Amino acid sequence: MTLDTTQTIVAIATPPGMGAIAVLRLSGERSLEITSSVFRPAKKGKSLKEQKAYTIHYGSIVDGDREVDHVLVSLFRAPHSYTGEDVIEISCHGSTVIQQQLLELLVRHGARLAQPGEFTLRAFMNGKIDLSQAEAIADLIASTSETARRVALNQMRGGISNKLTELRNELLRFTALVELELDFSEEDVEFANRQELETLVNNIISEIDKLSASFSQGNAIKAGIPVTIAGKPNVGKSTLLNRLLNEEKAIVSEIAGTTRDAIEDTIHLGGINFRFIDTAGLRQTTDTIESIGIERAFAKIEKARIVLYIADAQNNTLEIVDEVDNFASKITPTQSLIVLVNKEDKSSQSHVDEIISALAGKGFKVLAISAKAGHNVELLQQQLIAIGKADMPENEDVVVTNIRHYNALQSARTSLQQVLNGLHANLSGDLLAIDIHQAIDYLSEITGEISNDEVLGFIFSKFCIGK
């Protein structure tokens, strides 16, 4: 991305296609001049350039003597705008023809088509937001659940920025004291108490560990909580997936081994996104392709937050108990296992009750269902929502949702561990200062206080045009 902020840019800010209205946005020092050249206010009087900020004006966009559309023009003056520059927003009728004509007209009069994310890039370059807030804006636009919206909004308000600023300021204070010692090295004066520095570094490492630990939670919020559906062939895994998704996503067949690879899709339950993964049936097989599918199934099971293990209610009780116990032994303490006794409608109630009783008290939830008929599937959804809500952060919790942030935190932690090692080895202040500075630099990368054009280009290229 070219970081040229000298030109006035324009883009359609609303989604592509036809609608009731559309909005075109301009930003730059010539925004008012360019808009004034094509705007004719309905009420004669002051020109657009003379109007106050935060005002809306009704009139027409004209191309010479030809009227293009009736519009509303919203005016925002620098520096009190989204980008920190003069900004104009033109609300027109949603015809794609009108949108395109207005865009071409504004370009002819001196505007340049904006690149993806260029409006937010200018907000960052003009100090209106930091880099983590800019990324939070992209997350807010892309949010598909209430939790994702809430976390993104907290980040946009400066949640992680404020936390990192606290950590950086403490490190900067000590760096200044350590470097002050260097100026008085011949006098053997100690300004930075080594024990206090060690306590501080340990505290900051603890805070970084908390933030880093939240990344799996943040990733689940953005991508959906991973839920793997497992079990032997023909127990109803694909039928359950189709029932949960309310569509024929997976092939359902009486032939064992139909599902050869993991099938994924995301659904929205109770304000939370869940990413369901249907896997190949777990069994011994000589089929090479099916064996690969089973290997992938176990890989998906290992990464799942929630595992739904399906057993066939038509099978022998002892056989089911042995099967479930063997599978449950592979589940880690950080995972939630729900055992579903499926096809209950094809078995007697007494036999289903016997299975449920035999599986009770083993540390996992057990539920009898009929995936085909839909019986108790709603109850399963409620259990999933309960687990999901327990995993979700409180309103004010800072959650790391971005891999770039996570990597920078890990790098900062490594540098701080080097500081601790240096303290224990009684290294001189100048050597300690090198690692402290490096930790500060890594934390600064997250907010963009230290950045480069390549990183900025990558981040903002993922934005939609018009934002």
Protein backbone atom coordinates (compact mmCIF):
# COMPACT_ATOMS: atom_id res chain seq x y z
CA MET A 1 0.00 0.00 0.00
CA THR A 2 1.30 3.47 -0.91
CA LEU A 3 1.29 5.66 2.19
CA ASP A 4 0.43 8.87 0.33
CA THR A 5 -1.74 11.05 2.55
CA THR A 6 -1.37 14.26 0.54
CA GLN A 7 -4.19 13.62 -1.95
CA THR A 8 -7.92 13.79 -1.37
CA ILE A 9 -9.42 10.29 -1.55
CA VAL A 10 -12.92 9.08 -2.31
CA ALA A 11 -14.75 5.76 -2.07
CA ILE A 12 -18.20 4.27 -1.74
CA ALA A 13 -18.53 3.53 1.99
CA THR A 14 -21.63 1.35 1.85
CA PRO A 15 -21.74 -2.31 0.71
CA PRO A 16 -21.67 -2.90 -3.06
CA GLY A 17 -24.97 -3.34 -4.85
CA MET A 18 -28.34 -1.62 -4.95
CA GLY A 19 -30.09 -0.31 -1.86
CA ALA A 20 -32.29 2.51 -0.63
CA ILE A 21 -29.30 4.81 -0.10
CA ALA A 22 -25.53 4.75 -0.57
CA VAL A 23 -22.79 6.85 1.01
CA LEU A 24 -19.68 8.22 -0.69
CA ARG A 25 -16.87 9.45 1.53
CA LEU A 26 -14.09 11.94 0.78
CA SER A 27 -11.11 12.78 2.98
CA GLY A 28 -8.34 15.30 2.45
CA GLU A 29 -7.66 19.01 2.35
CA ARG A 30 -9.57 19.45 -0.96
CA SER A 31 -12.69 17.54 0.15
CA LEU A 32 -14.84 20.67 0.51
CA GLU A 33 -13.47 22.25 -2.66
CA ILE A 34 -14.11 19.15 -4.80
CA THR A 35 -17.60 18.60 -3.37
CA SER A 36 -18.50 22.28 -3.75
CA SER A 37 -17.64 22.12 -7.43
CA VAL A 38 -20.42 19.58 -8.09
CA PHE A 39 -22.91 20.38 -5.28
CA ARG A 40 -25.80 22.82 -5.66
CA PRO A 41 -27.58 23.49 -2.32
CA ALA A 42 -31.37 23.55 -2.45
CA LYS A 43 -31.36 26.65 -0.23
CA LYS A 44 -29.34 29.48 -1.69
CA GLY A 45 -26.84 31.10 0.64
CA LYS A 46 -23.41 30.27 1.90
CA SER A 47 -21.19 27.94 -0.09
CA LEU A 48 -20.30 24.57 1.37
CA LYS A 49 -16.85 25.87 2.34
CA GLU A 50 -18.45 28.45 4.64
CA GLN A 51 -20.71 26.02 6.49
CA LYS A 52 -20.02 24.88 10.03
CA ALA A 53 -18.71 21.43 10.90
CA TYR A 54 -21.16 18.66 11.85
CA THR A 55 -23.88 20.05 9.58
CA ILE A 56 -25.92 18.35 6.86
CA HIS A 57 -27.01 20.07 3.66
CA TYR A 58 -29.63 19.06 1.12
CA GLY A 59 -29.16 19.73 -2.56
CA SER A 60 -28.21 18.24 -5.91
CA ILE A 61 -25.08 16.83 -7.47
CA VAL A 62 -24.66 18.22 -10.98
CA ASP A 63 -22.41 17.39 -13.88
CA GLY A 64 -22.35 20.68 -15.76
CA ASP A 65 -25.99 21.41 -16.56
CA ARG A 66 -27.07 17.81 -15.90
CA GLU A 67 -28.55 16.92 -12.53
CA VAL A 68 -27.26 13.52 -11.35
CA ASP A 69 -29.10 13.04 -8.05
CA HIS A 70 -30.60 14.72 -4.99
CA VAL A 71 -28.29 14.18 -2.01
CA LEU A 72 -27.46 15.00 1.59
CA VAL A 73 -23.94 16.27 2.25
CA SER A 74 -22.47 15.83 5.77
CA LEU A 75 -19.51 18.04 6.66
CA PHE A 76 -16.71 17.23 9.14
CA ARG A 77 -13.77 19.57 9.57
CA ALA A 78 -10.18 18.74 10.53
CA PRO A 79 -8.99 17.76 13.04
CA HIS A 80 -12.32 16.68 14.53
CA SER A 81 -13.19 13.92 12.06
CA TYR A 82 -12.64 10.19 11.71
CA THR A 83 -9.44 10.65 9.69
CA GLY A 84 -8.32 13.90 11.29
CA GLU A 85 -8.74 15.62 7.90
CA ASP A 86 -11.65 17.45 6.26
CA VAL A 87 -14.23 14.75 5.53
CA ILE A 88 -17.35 14.87 3.40
CA GLU A 89 -20.00 12.16 3.27
CA ILE A 90 -22.54 12.24 0.43
CA SER A 91 -25.74 10.26 0.93
CA CYS A 92 -27.33 9.51 -2.43
CA HIS A 93 -29.96 7.12 -3.77
CA GLY A 94 -28.74 3.55 -3.88
CA SER A 95 -28.78 2.96 -7.61
CA THR A 96 -25.48 1.43 -8.72
CA VAL A 97 -25.59 3.73 -11.76
CA ILE A 98 -25.88 6.82 -9.55
CA GLN A 99 -23.10 5.61 -7.24
CA GLN A 100 -20.75 5.05 -10.16
CA GLN A 101 -21.56 8.37 -11.81
CA LEU A 102 -20.95 10.29 -8.57
CA LEU A 103 -17.68 8.43 -8.01
CA GLU A 104 -16.44 9.18 -11.53
CA LEU A 105 -17.55 12.82 -11.23
CA LEU A 106 -15.63 13.35 -7.98
CA VAL A 107 -12.52 11.72 -9.45
CA ARG A 108 -12.74 13.99 -12.51
CA HIS A 109 -12.77 17.00 -10.19
CA GLY A 110 -9.58 16.00 -8.41
CA ALA A 111 -10.19 13.16 -5.96
CA ARG A 112 -8.33 9.85 -6.10
CA LEU A 113 -9.93 6.45 -5.56
CA ALA A 114 -9.14 5.23 -2.04
CA GLN A 115 -7.28 2.02 -1.44
CA PRO A 116 -8.62 -0.61 1.01
CA GLY A 117 -8.41 0.72 4.57
CA GLU A 118 -6.99 4.08 3.53
CA PHE A 119 -9.45 6.15 5.55
CA THR A 120 -8.52 4.23 8.72
CA LEU A 121 -4.84 4.40 7.75
CA ARG A 122 -5.13 8.20 7.66
CA ALA A 123 -6.81 8.15 11.07
CA PHE A 124 -3.79 6.19 12.34
CA MET A 125 -1.23 8.42 10.60
CA ASN A 126 -2.93 11.53 12.00
CA GLY A 127 -2.90 10.18 15.56
CA LYS A 128 -6.66 9.68 15.89
CA ILE A 129 -6.22 5.98 16.75
CA ASP A 130 -3.33 3.61 17.35
CA LEU A 131 -2.65 0.47 15.34
CA SER A 132 -4.40 -1.94 17.72
CA GLN A 133 -7.51 0.27 17.61
CA ALA A 134 -7.37 0.29 13.81
CA GLU A 135 -7.32 -3.51 13.80
CA ALA A 136 -10.21 -3.50 16.27
CA ILE A 137 -12.23 -1.42 13.79
CA ALA A 138 -11.73 -4.16 11.17
CA ASP A 139 -12.77 -6.76 13.76
CA LEU A 140 -15.86 -4.73 14.66
CA ILE A 141 -16.94 -4.55 11.02
CA ALA A 142 -16.37 -8.30 10.61
CA SER A 143 -18.00 -9.29 13.92
CA THR A 144 -20.74 -11.89 13.54
CA SER A 145 -21.67 -12.37 17.19
CA GLU A 146 -22.52 -10.22 20.17
CA THR A 147 -19.38 -11.32 22.00
CA ALA A 148 -17.12 -10.52 19.03
CA ARG A 149 -18.77 -7.09 18.75
CA ARG A 150 -18.26 -6.39 22.45
CA VAL A 151 -14.60 -7.46 22.48
CA ALA A 152 -13.83 -5.48 19.32
CA LEU A 153 -15.54 -2.39 20.74
CA ASN A 154 -13.51 -2.67 23.94
CA GLN A 155 -10.31 -2.90 21.88
CA MET A 156 -11.41 0.06 19.76
CA ARG A 157 -11.87 2.11 22.92
CA GLY A 158 -8.26 1.36 23.76
CA GLY A 159 -8.59 -1.72 25.99
CA ILE A 160 -5.30 -3.38 25.08
CA SER A 161 -3.63 -0.02 24.31
CA ASN A 162 -4.22 1.23 27.85
CA LYS A 163 -2.88 -1.98 29.36
CA LEU A 164 0.25 -1.90 27.21
CA THR A 165 0.83 1.78 27.95
CA GLU A 166 0.94 0.98 31.68
CA LEU A 167 3.52 -1.78 31.11
CA ARG A 168 5.64 0.36 28.76
CA ASN A 169 5.67 3.35 31.10
CA GLU A 170 6.97 1.24 33.98
CA LEU A 171 9.74 -0.18 31.79
CA LEU A 172 10.59 3.27 30.41
CA ARG A 173 10.92 4.64 33.92
CA PHE A 174 13.42 1.96 34.84
CA THR A 175 15.28 2.27 31.57
CA ALA A 176 15.78 5.96 32.26
CA LEU A 177 17.17 5.14 35.74
CA VAL A 178 19.47 2.40 34.40
CA GLU A 179 20.80 4.71 31.69
CA LEU A 180 21.25 7.51 34.23
CA GLU A 181 23.61 5.22 36.12
CA LEU A 182 25.79 5.02 33.01
CA ASP A 183 26.37 8.78 33.19
CA PHE A 184 27.69 8.35 36.75
CA SER A 185 29.46 5.04 36.23
CA GLU A 186 32.75 6.36 37.65
CA GLU A 187 31.01 7.35 40.88
CA ASP A 188 29.43 3.91 41.43
CA VAL A 189 25.94 5.37 41.99
CA GLU A 190 22.87 3.12 41.77
CA PHE A 191 19.64 4.83 40.72
CA ALA A 192 17.73 1.71 39.67
CA ASN A 193 17.14 -0.70 42.53
CA ARG A 194 17.86 -4.18 41.14
CA GLN A 195 15.41 -5.95 43.45
CA GLU A 196 12.65 -3.51 42.49
CA LEU A 197 13.46 -4.04 38.81
CA GLU A 198 13.25 -7.83 39.22
CA THR A 199 9.86 -7.51 40.93
CA LEU A 200 8.64 -5.21 38.18
CA VAL A 201 9.81 -7.52 35.38
CA ASN A 202 8.17 -10.53 37.05
CA ASN A 203 4.92 -8.60 37.38
CA ILE A 204 5.01 -7.54 33.73
CA ILE A 205 5.76 -11.11 32.61
CA SER A 206 2.74 -12.21 34.65
CA GLU A 207 0.55 -9.60 32.89
CA ILE A 208 1.90 -10.66 29.49
CA ASP A 209 1.15 -14.30 30.32
CA LYS A 210 -2.45 -13.36 31.18
CA LEU A 211 -2.85 -11.50 27.89
CA SER A 212 -1.23 -14.34 25.92
CA ALA A 213 -3.43 -16.92 27.63
CA SER A 214 -6.49 -15.00 26.47
CA PHE A 215 -5.50 -15.50 22.82
CA SER A 216 -7.16 -18.93 22.51
CA GLN A 217 -10.31 -17.36 23.95
CA GLY A 218 -10.01 -14.39 21.58
CA ASN A 219 -9.42 -16.64 18.60
CA ALA A 220 -12.54 -18.64 19.47
CA ILE A 221 -14.55 -15.42 19.70
CA LYS A 222 -13.48 -14.40 16.19
CA ALA A 223 -13.48 -17.77 14.43
CA GLY A 224 -16.06 -19.59 16.56
CA ILE A 225 -15.67 -22.03 19.45
CA PRO A 226 -14.44 -25.29 17.86
CA VAL A 227 -16.85 -28.17 18.43
CA THR A 228 -15.84 -31.57 17.05
CA ILE A 229 -18.42 -34.27 16.39
CA ALA A 230 -16.86 -37.72 16.84
CA GLY A 231 -17.91 -41.34 17.03
CA LYS A 232 -17.88 -44.63 15.18
CA PRO A 233 -19.23 -44.86 11.60
CA ASN A 234 -22.98 -44.64 11.09
CA VAL A 235 -23.83 -43.34 14.56
CA GLY A 236 -25.40 -40.15 13.13
CA LYS A 237 -22.55 -37.60 13.15
CA SER A 238 -23.42 -36.12 9.76
CA THR A 239 -27.13 -36.23 10.57
CA LEU A 240 -26.48 -34.20 13.74
CA LEU A 241 -24.34 -31.69 11.84
CA ASN A 242 -27.09 -31.22 9.26
CA ARG A 243 -29.67 -30.84 12.04
CA LEU A 244 -27.59 -28.21 13.87
CA LEU A 245 -26.88 -26.29 10.67
CA ASN A 246 -30.43 -26.74 9.40
CA GLU A 247 -29.13 -27.71 5.95
CA GLU A 248 -27.80 -30.77 4.12
CA LYS A 249 -24.15 -29.92 4.61
CA ALA A 250 -22.85 -33.47 5.01
CA ILE A 251 -23.71 -36.59 3.03
CA VAL A 252 -25.83 -39.00 5.08
CA SER A 253 -25.67 -42.66 4.09
CA GLU A 254 -26.08 -46.13 5.56
CA ILE A 255 -22.70 -46.98 4.02
CA ALA A 256 -19.97 -46.89 6.69
CA GLY A 257 -17.08 -44.51 6.07
CA THR A 258 -19.00 -42.00 3.96
CA THR A 259 -17.31 -39.03 5.65
CA ARG A 260 -13.65 -39.18 4.60
CA ASP A 261 -12.56 -35.70 5.67
CA ALA A 262 -13.56 -33.09 8.25
CA ILE A 263 -16.55 -30.96 7.27
CA GLU A 264 -16.80 -27.55 8.95
CA ASP A 265 -19.38 -24.81 9.26
CA THR A 266 -20.22 -22.07 11.75
CA ILE A 267 -23.54 -21.33 13.40
CA HIS A 268 -24.66 -18.63 15.78
CA LEU A 269 -26.19 -19.71 19.11
CA GLY A 270 -27.05 -17.41 22.00
CA GLY A 271 -24.82 -14.58 20.77
CA ILE A 272 -21.84 -16.93 20.35
CA ASN A 273 -20.28 -18.42 17.22
CA PHE A 274 -19.66 -22.16 17.23
CA ARG A 275 -17.54 -23.84 14.56
CA PHE A 276 -18.81 -27.39 14.13
CA ILE A 277 -16.53 -30.03 12.64
CA ASP A 278 -17.94 -33.37 11.47
CA THR A 279 -15.20 -35.99 11.33
CA ALA A 280 -14.65 -39.42 9.78
CA GLY A 281 -15.99 -42.40 11.75
CA LEU A 282 -13.45 -43.78 14.22
CA ARG A 283 -12.66 -47.42 13.45
CA GLN A 284 -9.90 -49.76 12.25
CA THR A 285 -9.73 -49.74 8.45
CA THR A 286 -7.44 -50.79 5.61
CA ASP A 287 -8.81 -48.11 3.30
CA THR A 288 -5.96 -45.62 2.77
CA ILE A 289 -8.19 -42.58 2.18
CA GLU A 290 -10.44 -43.38 5.13
CA SER A 291 -7.35 -43.87 7.34
CA ILE A 292 -6.17 -40.37 6.47
CA GLY A 293 -9.64 -39.04 7.35
CA ILE A 294 -9.49 -40.80 10.73
CA GLU A 295 -6.05 -39.33 11.44
CA ARG A 296 -7.43 -35.89 10.66
CA ALA A 297 -10.41 -36.61 12.91
CA PHE A 298 -8.13 -37.19 15.90
CA ALA A 299 -6.21 -34.00 15.03
CA LYS A 300 -9.48 -32.02 15.06
CA ILE A 301 -10.52 -33.66 18.34
CA GLU A 302 -7.25 -32.55 19.97
CA LYS A 303 -7.87 -28.91 18.97
CA ALA A 304 -11.56 -28.80 19.92
CA ARG A 305 -12.86 -26.86 22.91
CA ILE A 306 -16.01 -29.00 22.99
CA VAL A 307 -16.25 -32.62 21.83
CA LEU A 308 -19.57 -34.26 21.03
CA TYR A 309 -19.12 -38.03 21.11
CA ILE A 310 -22.02 -39.93 19.60
CA ALA A 311 -22.90 -43.49 20.57
CA ASP A 312 -25.63 -45.64 19.01
CA ALA A 313 -28.49 -46.32 21.44
CA GLN A 314 -29.16 -49.63 19.62
CA ASN A 315 -25.87 -51.12 20.80
CA ASN A 316 -25.18 -53.15 23.95
CA THR A 317 -24.83 -51.08 27.13
CA LEU A 318 -21.48 -52.56 28.18
CA GLU A 319 -20.14 -52.08 24.66
CA ILE A 320 -21.14 -48.40 24.74
CA VAL A 321 -19.62 -47.85 28.19
CA ASP A 322 -16.28 -49.39 27.13
CA GLU A 323 -16.31 -47.36 23.91
CA VAL A 324 -17.07 -44.07 25.71
CA ASP A 325 -14.60 -44.70 28.56
CA ASN A 326 -11.84 -45.41 26.05
CA PHE A 327 -12.60 -42.19 24.16
CA ALA A 328 -13.03 -40.06 27.31
CA SER A 329 -9.53 -41.03 28.45
CA LYS A 330 -8.17 -39.04 25.47
CA ILE A 331 -9.99 -35.82 26.44
CA THR A 332 -7.91 -33.16 28.19
CA PRO A 333 -9.03 -31.16 31.27
CA THR A 334 -9.39 -28.02 29.13
CA GLN A 335 -11.96 -29.71 26.88
CA SER A 336 -15.66 -30.30 27.54
CA LEU A 337 -17.03 -33.70 26.53
CA ILE A 338 -20.73 -34.27 25.88
CA VAL A 339 -21.73 -37.87 25.16
CA LEU A 340 -24.82 -38.13 22.96
CA VAL A 341 -26.75 -41.38 22.96
CA ASN A 342 -28.26 -41.10 19.48
CA LYS A 343 -31.11 -42.96 17.76
CA GLU A 344 -33.04 -43.16 21.03
CA ASP A 345 -36.22 -43.37 18.93
CA LYS A 346 -35.02 -46.72 17.56
CA SER A 347 -34.42 -48.25 20.98
CA SER A 348 -36.63 -48.95 24.01
CA GLN A 349 -36.87 -46.29 26.69
CA SER A 350 -35.67 -48.75 29.34
CA HIS A 351 -32.53 -49.54 27.34
CA VAL A 352 -31.80 -45.82 26.79
CA ASP A 353 -32.27 -45.18 30.54
CA GLU A 354 -29.89 -48.05 31.29
CA ILE A 355 -27.20 -46.53 29.06
CA ILE A 356 -27.65 -43.07 30.58
CA SER A 357 -27.42 -44.52 34.09
CA ALA A 358 -24.27 -46.52 33.24
CA LEU A 359 -22.56 -43.39 31.89
CA ALA A 360 -23.62 -41.09 34.74
CA GLY A 361 -21.11 -39.67 37.20
CA LYS A 362 -18.07 -40.04 34.95
CA GLY A 363 -17.22 -36.36 34.70
CA PHE A 364 -18.93 -35.58 31.39
CA LYS A 365 -22.44 -34.66 30.32
CA VAL A 366 -24.70 -37.36 28.84
CA LEU A 367 -27.78 -36.69 26.72
CA ALA A 368 -30.11 -39.00 24.80
CA ILE A 369 -31.10 -37.56 21.42
CA SER A 370 -32.52 -38.36 18.02
CA ALA A 371 -30.55 -36.34 15.50
CA LYS A 372 -32.87 -37.44 12.70
CA ALA A 373 -36.10 -36.50 14.51
CA GLY A 374 -34.56 -33.50 16.27
CA HIS A 375 -35.44 -34.71 19.76
CA ASN A 376 -33.38 -33.01 22.50
CA VAL A 377 -31.23 -31.18 19.93
CA GLU A 378 -32.46 -27.89 21.37
CA LEU A 379 -31.38 -29.08 24.82
CA LEU A 380 -27.94 -29.84 23.35
CA GLN A 381 -27.78 -26.30 21.96
CA GLN A 382 -28.55 -24.92 25.43
CA GLN A 383 -25.69 -26.95 26.90
CA LEU A 384 -23.34 -25.64 24.22
CA ILE A 385 -24.42 -22.05 24.94
CA ALA A 386 -23.81 -22.57 28.68
CA ILE A 387 -20.24 -23.77 28.01
CA GLY A 388 -19.68 -20.96 25.52
CA LYS A 389 -20.89 -18.26 27.91
CA ALA A 390 -18.67 -19.60 30.69
CA ASP A 391 -15.72 -19.17 28.31
CA MET A 392 -16.58 -15.64 27.28
CA PRO A 393 -14.80 -12.66 28.89
CA GLU A 394 -16.39 -10.17 31.21
CA ASN A 395 -17.34 -6.81 29.73
CA GLU A 396 -14.12 -5.01 30.69
CA ASP A 397 -11.68 -7.90 30.23
CA VAL A 398 -8.86 -7.29 27.76
CA VAL A 399 -8.70 -10.17 25.30
CA VAL A 400 -6.02 -10.72 22.66
CA THR A 401 -7.72 -11.62 19.37
CA ASN A 402 -4.91 -10.88 16.92
CA ILE A 403 -2.01 -13.23 16.11
CA ARG A 404 0.27 -10.22 15.50
CA HIS A 405 -0.37 -9.02 19.04
CA TYR A 406 0.21 -12.50 20.44
CA ASN A 407 3.56 -12.90 18.67
CA ALA A 408 4.72 -9.45 19.82
CA LEU A 409 3.77 -10.29 23.42
CA GLN A 410 5.73 -13.54 23.25
CA SER A 411 8.77 -11.70 21.89
CA ALA A 412 8.48 -9.10 24.67
CA ARG A 413 8.30 -11.89 27.23
CA THR A 414 11.50 -13.46 25.85
CA SER A 415 13.31 -10.12 26.16
CA LEU A 416 12.07 -9.66 29.73
CA GLN A 417 13.24 -13.15 30.63
CA GLN A 418 16.66 -12.09 29.34
CA VAL A 419 16.48 -9.11 31.73
CA LEU A 420 15.83 -11.50 34.64
CA ASN A 421 18.70 -13.72 33.54
CA GLY A 422 20.92 -10.63 33.38
CA LEU A 423 19.90 -9.53 36.87
CA HIS A 424 20.69 -12.96 38.29
CA ALA A 425 24.06 -12.88 36.49
CA ASN A 426 24.78 -9.35 37.83
CA LEU A 427 25.16 -7.92 34.34
CA SER A 428 25.93 -4.21 33.99
CA GLY A 429 23.19 -1.64 33.46
CA ASP A 430 24.06 -1.03 29.81
CA LEU A 431 23.48 -4.71 28.96
CA LEU A 432 20.23 -4.79 30.95
CA ALA A 433 19.06 -1.66 29.12
CA ILE A 434 19.44 -3.40 25.73
CA ASP A 435 16.94 -6.13 26.64
CA ILE A 436 14.56 -3.69 28.36
CA HIS A 437 14.56 -1.51 25.24
CA GLN A 438 13.85 -4.55 23.09
CA ALA A 439 10.87 -5.50 25.25
CA ILE A 440 9.55 -1.93 24.99
CA ASP A 441 9.96 -2.04 21.21
CA TYR A 442 7.94 -5.27 20.94
CA LEU A 443 5.12 -3.80 23.04
CA SER A 444 5.25 -0.63 20.93
CA GLU A 445 4.80 -2.69 17.74
CA ILE A 446 1.31 -3.66 18.89
CA THR A 447 0.07 -0.07 19.11
CA GLY A 448 2.05 1.06 16.07
CA GLU A 449 4.41 3.43 17.88
CA ILE A 450 7.08 1.41 16.08
CA SER A 451 5.99 0.22 12.64
CA ASN A 452 7.03 0.04 9.01
CA ASP A 453 5.28 0.52 5.70
CA GLU A 454 5.23 -3.21 4.94
CA VAL A 455 3.40 -4.05 8.18
CA LEU A 456 0.97 -1.16 7.73
CA GLY A 457 0.28 -2.16 4.13
CA PHE A 458 -0.51 -5.73 5.19
CA ILE A 459 -2.85 -4.68 8.00
CA PHE A 460 -4.83 -2.03 6.13
CA SER A 461 -5.08 -4.01 2.86
CA LYS A 462 -7.47 -6.35 4.70
CA PHE A 463 -9.97 -3.51 5.29
CA CYS A 464 -12.91 -2.90 3.00
CA ILE A 465 -12.65 0.04 0.60
CA GLY A 466 -14.40 3.05 2.11
CA LYS A 467 -13.15 2.31 5.62
